Amino acid sequence: MENKKHGNTLVNVVVALAVIFLLIKFGVPAASRKITGLDLPLPVPSTLFLFYAVLILIGTFVYVTSDEAYMESFLAPIKKLLRDGYGKRSRIVVTTLVPVVVAVGVFLWVRPTVTSPVALRIQHPSSNFPRKFESVLNPMENPTDAEIDEFIEQVKNNAVEFFPQVQEVGNKFTNIDFIPKKPVQDFLAKLKNGDVDRELAKEALHEKNLFEGRAMYEINCRVCHGDSAGGDGPMAYGFQLRPINFTDNGTIEVLVEGYTFWRVKIGGLGLPVESTPWDSAMPVWSLDLTEKERWAIIMGEYNLAQKTPRIREKLE
């Protein structure tokens, strides 16, 4: 009675392992697509798959060895095969086939593969980059006459306006006298003597914008991209894909400012599907920062990285 009760232990184990393998390999990705609504499934990483496989094999071993009858019924078909209980030909076929299957499996597991990516791999994800941004220039770099006039009046009245985030950490700045740059100090000195130099005012406004841009970068971006924009901020090590190193010659220096502005605006969530190899954890900054604040940050990050934007090519 006991042998009949446990007579299919080996078959049950093999079937259970096969079902679990198929569930992890194909069931989980299919369920992930259904749950998340994404176009592409979320496959189980090979390392995690191996971890699950080891746990399942350990659990199976504990189950089989937990009862002497289970153990006996599990080994009985194997012993019968090795003793030619199923015929000599069956033993030869099985003992030959099993090592071959294992060898092929190991080979397929460890061999290097060269395959085309499932999605188009592009250096910079730009398939849905709005073309209207191609020729856009940073307005913070070249203020208008009206902005210069407004700035001069603010300095005269000791009421210079700064971004709210900068004010919060800067003890309510009201003027630009704390900025040690030569254009700023020269402009203030001339203004004190009643001489309004518009060219100096424009340079001083540029330095003020640059100060704000660097400050906004420090507040919002430094934690990931680092003090020097090198992609080595304190949070950078928590991401599988590290934040971009802006000091690298192949990053923001090869981009027009409009593209950089668009990337900051949409964050990682706005990237097209084919950009998966370069997924980004960057927030959608258009939800938290104004357009002017985002332009200031771009100005600051280029300055910190000591890079200049790419100049848009013009056809002859």
Protein backbone atom coordinates (compact mmCIF):
# COMPACT_ATOMS: atom_id res chain seq x y z
CA MET A 1 0.00 0.00 0.00
CA GLU A 2 2.82 2.35 0.91
CA ASN A 3 4.67 1.82 -2.39
CA LYS A 4 1.50 2.31 -4.38
CA LYS A 5 0.81 5.52 -2.46
CA HIS A 6 4.24 6.94 -3.26
CA GLY A 7 4.84 5.13 -6.54
CA ASN A 8 4.77 8.26 -8.74
CA THR A 9 7.13 10.45 -6.68
CA LEU A 10 9.76 10.71 -9.43
CA VAL A 11 7.14 11.57 -12.05
CA ASN A 12 5.53 14.12 -9.73
CA VAL A 13 8.88 15.80 -9.07
CA VAL A 14 9.77 16.00 -12.77
CA VAL A 15 6.35 17.39 -13.70
CA ALA A 16 6.45 19.92 -10.85
CA LEU A 17 9.91 21.16 -11.84
CA ALA A 18 8.84 21.48 -15.48
CA VAL A 19 5.71 23.45 -14.55
CA ILE A 20 7.67 25.78 -12.26
CA PHE A 21 10.31 26.35 -14.97
CA LEU A 22 7.66 27.24 -17.55
CA LEU A 23 5.89 29.49 -15.07
CA ILE A 24 9.03 31.50 -14.27
CA LYS A 25 10.32 31.55 -17.85
CA PHE A 26 7.09 32.42 -19.64
CA GLY A 27 4.30 32.91 -17.12
CA VAL A 28 5.87 35.75 -15.13
CA PRO A 29 6.75 37.87 -18.24
CA ALA A 30 3.24 37.31 -19.65
CA ALA A 31 1.63 38.29 -16.35
CA SER A 32 3.86 41.38 -16.07
CA ARG A 33 2.70 42.61 -19.47
CA LYS A 34 -0.92 42.12 -18.40
CA ILE A 35 -0.47 43.85 -15.03
CA THR A 36 1.67 46.81 -16.14
CA GLY A 37 0.08 47.33 -19.55
CA LEU A 38 3.54 47.78 -21.10
CA ASP A 39 4.27 46.83 -24.70
CA LEU A 40 7.24 44.68 -23.70
CA PRO A 41 7.19 41.92 -21.03
CA LEU A 42 9.40 42.08 -17.95
CA PRO A 43 11.58 38.93 -18.12
CA VAL A 44 13.02 37.35 -14.99
CA PRO A 45 16.78 38.17 -14.88
CA SER A 46 19.02 35.14 -15.33
CA THR A 47 20.62 35.66 -11.90
CA LEU A 48 17.21 35.72 -10.21
CA PHE A 49 16.13 32.69 -12.27
CA LEU A 50 19.19 30.78 -11.04
CA PHE A 51 18.40 31.85 -7.46
CA TYR A 52 14.86 30.51 -7.77
CA ALA A 53 16.12 27.29 -9.38
CA VAL A 54 18.49 26.61 -6.47
CA LEU A 55 15.74 27.25 -3.92
CA ILE A 56 13.32 24.96 -5.79
CA LEU A 57 15.90 22.17 -6.02
CA ILE A 58 16.66 22.48 -2.31
CA GLY A 59 12.95 22.37 -1.51
CA THR A 60 12.50 19.32 -3.74
CA PHE A 61 15.41 17.57 -2.04
CA VAL A 62 13.95 18.27 1.41
CA TYR A 63 10.55 17.00 0.26
CA VAL A 64 11.91 13.75 -1.21
CA THR A 65 14.18 12.97 1.75
CA SER A 66 11.64 13.91 4.41
CA ASP A 67 10.03 10.47 4.24
CA GLU A 68 11.73 7.13 3.69
CA ALA A 69 8.87 5.91 1.54
CA TYR A 70 9.11 9.03 -0.68
CA MET A 71 12.85 8.45 -1.03
CA GLU A 72 12.38 4.79 -1.91
CA SER A 73 9.69 5.48 -4.49
CA PHE A 74 11.79 8.31 -5.99
CA LEU A 75 14.85 6.08 -6.41
CA ALA A 76 12.99 2.93 -7.43
CA PRO A 77 12.57 3.81 -11.16
CA ILE A 78 16.20 4.98 -11.35
CA LYS A 79 17.48 1.74 -9.78
CA LYS A 80 15.26 -0.31 -12.05
CA LEU A 81 16.62 1.52 -15.12
CA LEU A 82 20.24 1.02 -14.09
CA ARG A 83 19.58 -2.71 -13.45
CA ASP A 84 18.12 -3.13 -16.95
CA GLY A 85 14.63 -3.43 -15.53
CA TYR A 86 13.33 -1.51 -18.54
CA GLY A 87 15.66 -3.29 -20.94
CA LYS A 88 19.31 -2.81 -21.81
CA ARG A 89 18.52 -0.57 -24.77
CA SER A 90 16.56 1.83 -22.57
CA ARG A 91 19.46 2.06 -20.11
CA ILE A 92 21.95 2.84 -22.87
CA VAL A 93 19.69 5.49 -24.43
CA VAL A 94 19.00 7.26 -21.13
CA THR A 95 22.57 7.15 -19.80
CA THR A 96 23.79 8.54 -23.12
CA LEU A 97 21.07 11.14 -23.61
CA VAL A 98 21.18 12.69 -20.12
CA PRO A 99 24.88 13.75 -20.25
CA VAL A 100 24.36 15.09 -23.79
CA VAL A 101 21.34 17.17 -22.73
CA VAL A 102 23.21 18.51 -19.70
CA ALA A 103 26.28 19.36 -21.81
CA VAL A 104 24.17 21.17 -24.42
CA GLY A 105 22.31 23.06 -21.71
CA VAL A 106 25.55 24.19 -20.04
CA PHE A 107 27.00 25.21 -23.40
CA LEU A 108 23.93 27.27 -24.31
CA TRP A 109 24.02 28.87 -20.85
CA VAL A 110 27.63 30.04 -20.93
CA ARG A 111 28.36 30.59 -24.62
CA PRO A 112 28.73 34.20 -25.83
CA THR A 113 25.97 35.32 -28.14
CA VAL A 114 25.80 37.97 -30.81
CA THR A 115 22.21 38.92 -31.53
CA SER A 116 20.44 41.99 -32.82
CA PRO A 117 18.78 44.05 -30.08
CA VAL A 118 15.02 43.66 -29.76
CA ALA A 119 14.70 47.44 -30.10
CA LEU A 120 16.64 49.92 -32.17
CA ARG A 121 19.70 50.97 -30.16
CA ILE A 122 20.39 54.65 -30.68
CA GLN A 123 23.07 56.76 -29.08
CA HIS A 124 20.59 59.40 -28.02
CA PRO A 125 16.86 58.60 -27.71
CA SER A 126 15.41 61.06 -30.17
CA SER A 127 12.81 59.25 -32.25
CA ASN A 128 10.05 61.38 -30.77
CA PHE A 129 12.20 64.45 -30.17
CA PRO A 130 10.02 67.44 -31.17
CA ARG A 131 11.78 69.17 -34.06
CA LYS A 132 10.70 72.57 -32.79
CA PHE A 133 13.39 72.27 -30.11
CA GLU A 134 16.24 71.78 -32.60
CA SER A 135 16.83 75.48 -33.16
CA VAL A 136 15.83 76.72 -29.69
CA LEU A 137 18.54 78.62 -27.80
CA ASN A 138 18.77 79.18 -24.07
CA PRO A 139 17.08 82.56 -23.39
CA MET A 140 19.06 82.87 -20.13
CA GLU A 141 22.27 83.19 -22.14
CA ASN A 142 21.12 86.20 -24.15
CA PRO A 143 18.65 88.39 -22.22
CA THR A 144 16.45 90.85 -24.10
CA ASP A 145 16.63 94.64 -23.76
CA ALA A 146 13.45 94.60 -21.67
CA GLU A 147 14.96 92.06 -19.28
CA ILE A 148 18.13 94.14 -18.98
CA ASP A 149 16.11 97.29 -18.21
CA GLU A 150 14.06 95.41 -15.61
CA PHE A 151 17.24 94.04 -14.05
CA ILE A 152 18.80 97.51 -13.82
CA GLU A 153 15.71 98.83 -12.01
CA GLN A 154 15.74 95.87 -9.61
CA VAL A 155 19.39 96.50 -8.74
CA LYS A 156 18.73 100.22 -8.20
CA ASN A 157 15.84 99.44 -5.86
CA ASN A 158 17.70 96.66 -4.08
CA ALA A 159 14.92 94.27 -5.11
CA VAL A 160 16.55 91.73 -7.44
CA GLU A 161 14.32 88.70 -7.97
CA PHE A 162 15.68 85.17 -7.50
CA PHE A 163 14.03 81.79 -7.89
CA PRO A 164 12.10 80.71 -4.75
CA GLN A 165 14.35 77.67 -4.18
CA VAL A 166 17.44 79.88 -4.33
CA GLN A 167 15.87 82.33 -1.89
CA GLU A 168 15.09 79.54 0.56
CA VAL A 169 18.73 78.52 0.85
CA GLY A 170 20.19 81.97 0.34
CA ASN A 171 18.69 83.89 3.26
CA LYS A 172 16.52 86.08 1.02
CA PHE A 173 18.89 87.62 -1.51
CA THR A 174 17.78 91.09 -2.57
CA ASN A 175 20.77 92.18 -4.66
CA ILE A 176 23.77 90.81 -6.53
CA ASP A 177 26.58 92.38 -4.48
CA PHE A 178 27.51 88.96 -3.00
CA ILE A 179 28.44 87.61 -6.44
CA PRO A 180 32.24 88.10 -6.68
CA LYS A 181 32.46 88.15 -10.48
CA LYS A 182 34.20 91.14 -12.07
CA PRO A 183 31.29 92.18 -14.38
CA VAL A 184 28.97 92.29 -11.36
CA GLN A 185 31.30 94.35 -9.21
CA ASP A 186 32.18 96.70 -12.07
CA PHE A 187 28.51 97.24 -12.89
CA LEU A 188 27.65 97.96 -9.24
CA ALA A 189 30.55 100.39 -8.91
CA LYS A 190 29.49 102.36 -11.99
CA LEU A 191 25.83 102.30 -10.97
CA LYS A 192 26.77 103.70 -7.56
CA ASN A 193 28.38 106.66 -9.32
CA GLY A 194 25.24 107.20 -11.42
CA ASP A 195 26.65 105.61 -14.57
CA VAL A 196 24.35 102.99 -16.13
CA ASP A 197 26.44 100.82 -18.46
CA ARG A 198 24.06 98.57 -20.36
CA GLU A 199 26.78 96.28 -21.65
CA LEU A 200 28.06 95.76 -18.12
CA ALA A 201 24.45 95.31 -16.96
CA LYS A 202 23.98 92.55 -19.53
CA GLU A 203 27.16 90.82 -18.37
CA ALA A 204 26.12 91.20 -14.73
CA LEU A 205 22.68 89.75 -15.49
CA HIS A 206 24.38 86.83 -17.22
CA GLU A 207 26.47 86.19 -14.09
CA LYS A 208 23.34 86.42 -11.95
CA ASN A 209 21.57 83.89 -14.20
CA LEU A 210 24.61 81.62 -14.09
CA PHE A 211 24.68 81.81 -10.28
CA GLU A 212 21.00 80.85 -10.15
CA GLY A 213 21.50 78.04 -12.65
CA ARG A 214 24.34 76.53 -10.66
CA ALA A 215 22.36 76.93 -7.43
CA MET A 216 19.29 75.26 -8.95
CA TYR A 217 21.51 72.45 -10.24
CA GLU A 218 22.95 71.95 -6.75
CA ILE A 219 19.46 71.84 -5.23
CA ASN A 220 17.79 69.55 -7.77
CA CYS A 221 20.46 67.65 -9.71
CA ARG A 222 23.63 67.34 -7.64
CA VAL A 223 22.34 64.36 -5.64
CA CYS A 224 22.54 62.21 -8.80
CA HIS A 225 24.86 63.99 -11.22
CA GLY A 226 27.43 65.10 -8.62
CA ASP A 227 29.12 68.35 -7.58
CA SER A 228 31.14 68.58 -10.79
CA ALA A 229 28.39 67.13 -13.05
CA GLY A 230 30.43 63.94 -13.36
CA GLY A 231 27.54 61.54 -12.71
CA ASP A 232 28.94 60.64 -9.28
CA GLY A 233 26.43 62.13 -6.84
CA PRO A 234 25.62 60.37 -3.54
CA MET A 235 22.49 58.77 -5.05
CA ALA A 236 24.21 57.67 -8.28
CA TYR A 237 25.33 54.34 -6.82
CA GLY A 238 21.73 53.32 -6.15
CA PHE A 239 20.85 53.11 -9.85
CA GLN A 240 21.59 50.18 -12.15
CA LEU A 241 22.12 52.69 -14.97
CA ARG A 242 24.32 55.43 -13.57
CA PRO A 243 23.38 59.08 -14.17
CA ILE A 244 25.10 60.62 -17.18
CA ASN A 245 28.56 62.11 -16.73
CA PHE A 246 28.17 65.59 -18.24
CA THR A 247 31.93 66.11 -18.26
CA ASP A 248 32.33 63.31 -20.82
CA ASN A 249 32.94 64.65 -24.32
CA GLY A 250 30.26 62.38 -25.76
CA THR A 251 27.30 63.61 -23.72
CA ILE A 252 25.85 67.13 -23.49
CA GLU A 253 28.62 68.66 -25.58
CA VAL A 254 27.34 66.82 -28.67
CA LEU A 255 23.75 67.98 -28.06
CA VAL A 256 21.98 71.17 -29.04
CA GLU A 257 20.53 73.06 -26.10
CA GLY A 258 16.98 72.42 -27.29
CA TYR A 259 17.46 68.67 -26.98
CA THR A 260 18.91 69.00 -23.48
CA PHE A 261 15.95 71.17 -22.48
CA TRP A 262 13.52 68.58 -23.89
CA ARG A 263 15.21 65.73 -21.96
CA VAL A 264 15.06 67.68 -18.70
CA LYS A 265 11.43 68.49 -19.40
CA ILE A 266 10.18 64.93 -20.06
CA GLY A 267 12.51 63.05 -17.71
CA GLY A 268 12.91 59.29 -17.94
CA LEU A 269 9.19 58.57 -18.29
CA GLY A 270 9.02 60.43 -21.59
CA LEU A 271 11.67 58.39 -23.38
CA PRO A 272 10.58 56.41 -26.46
CA VAL A 273 10.40 52.60 -26.35
CA GLU A 274 13.58 52.11 -28.38
CA SER A 275 15.54 53.98 -25.71
CA THR A 276 15.18 51.08 -23.25
CA PRO A 277 18.95 50.38 -23.11
CA TRP A 278 19.37 53.95 -21.88
CA ASP A 279 16.43 54.10 -19.48
CA SER A 280 16.65 57.00 -17.06
CA ALA A 281 15.37 57.52 -13.53
CA MET A 282 15.35 61.30 -14.02
CA PRO A 283 12.08 62.91 -12.84
CA VAL A 284 9.74 64.76 -15.17
CA TRP A 285 11.05 68.19 -14.20
CA SER A 286 8.30 70.05 -16.04
CA LEU A 287 6.04 69.02 -13.15
CA ASP A 288 8.20 70.71 -10.50
CA LEU A 289 10.17 73.47 -12.21
CA THR A 290 9.16 76.36 -14.44
CA GLU A 291 10.51 76.70 -17.94
CA LYS A 292 12.82 79.51 -16.84
CA GLU A 293 14.15 77.43 -13.95
CA ARG A 294 14.87 74.50 -16.27
CA TRP A 295 16.76 76.74 -18.71
CA ALA A 296 18.78 78.11 -15.79
CA ILE A 297 19.71 74.58 -14.69
CA ILE A 298 20.87 73.71 -18.19
CA MET A 299 22.98 76.85 -18.19
CA GLY A 300 24.46 75.83 -14.84
CA GLU A 301 25.19 72.22 -15.78
CA TYR A 302 27.05 73.21 -18.95
CA ASN A 303 29.09 75.66 -16.89
CA LEU A 304 29.85 73.13 -14.14
CA ALA A 305 30.87 70.51 -16.69
CA GLN A 306 32.97 73.12 -18.53
CA LYS A 307 31.24 72.24 -21.79
CA THR A 308 29.47 74.21 -24.48
CA PRO A 309 26.38 73.09 -26.42
CA ARG A 310 26.69 71.91 -29.97
CA ILE A 311 26.10 74.64 -32.52
CA ARG A 312 23.33 73.60 -34.89
CA GLU A 313 24.67 72.96 -38.37
CA LYS A 314 23.42 75.13 -41.19
CA LEU A 315 23.08 74.02 -44.78
CA GLU A 316 24.86 76.10 -47.40
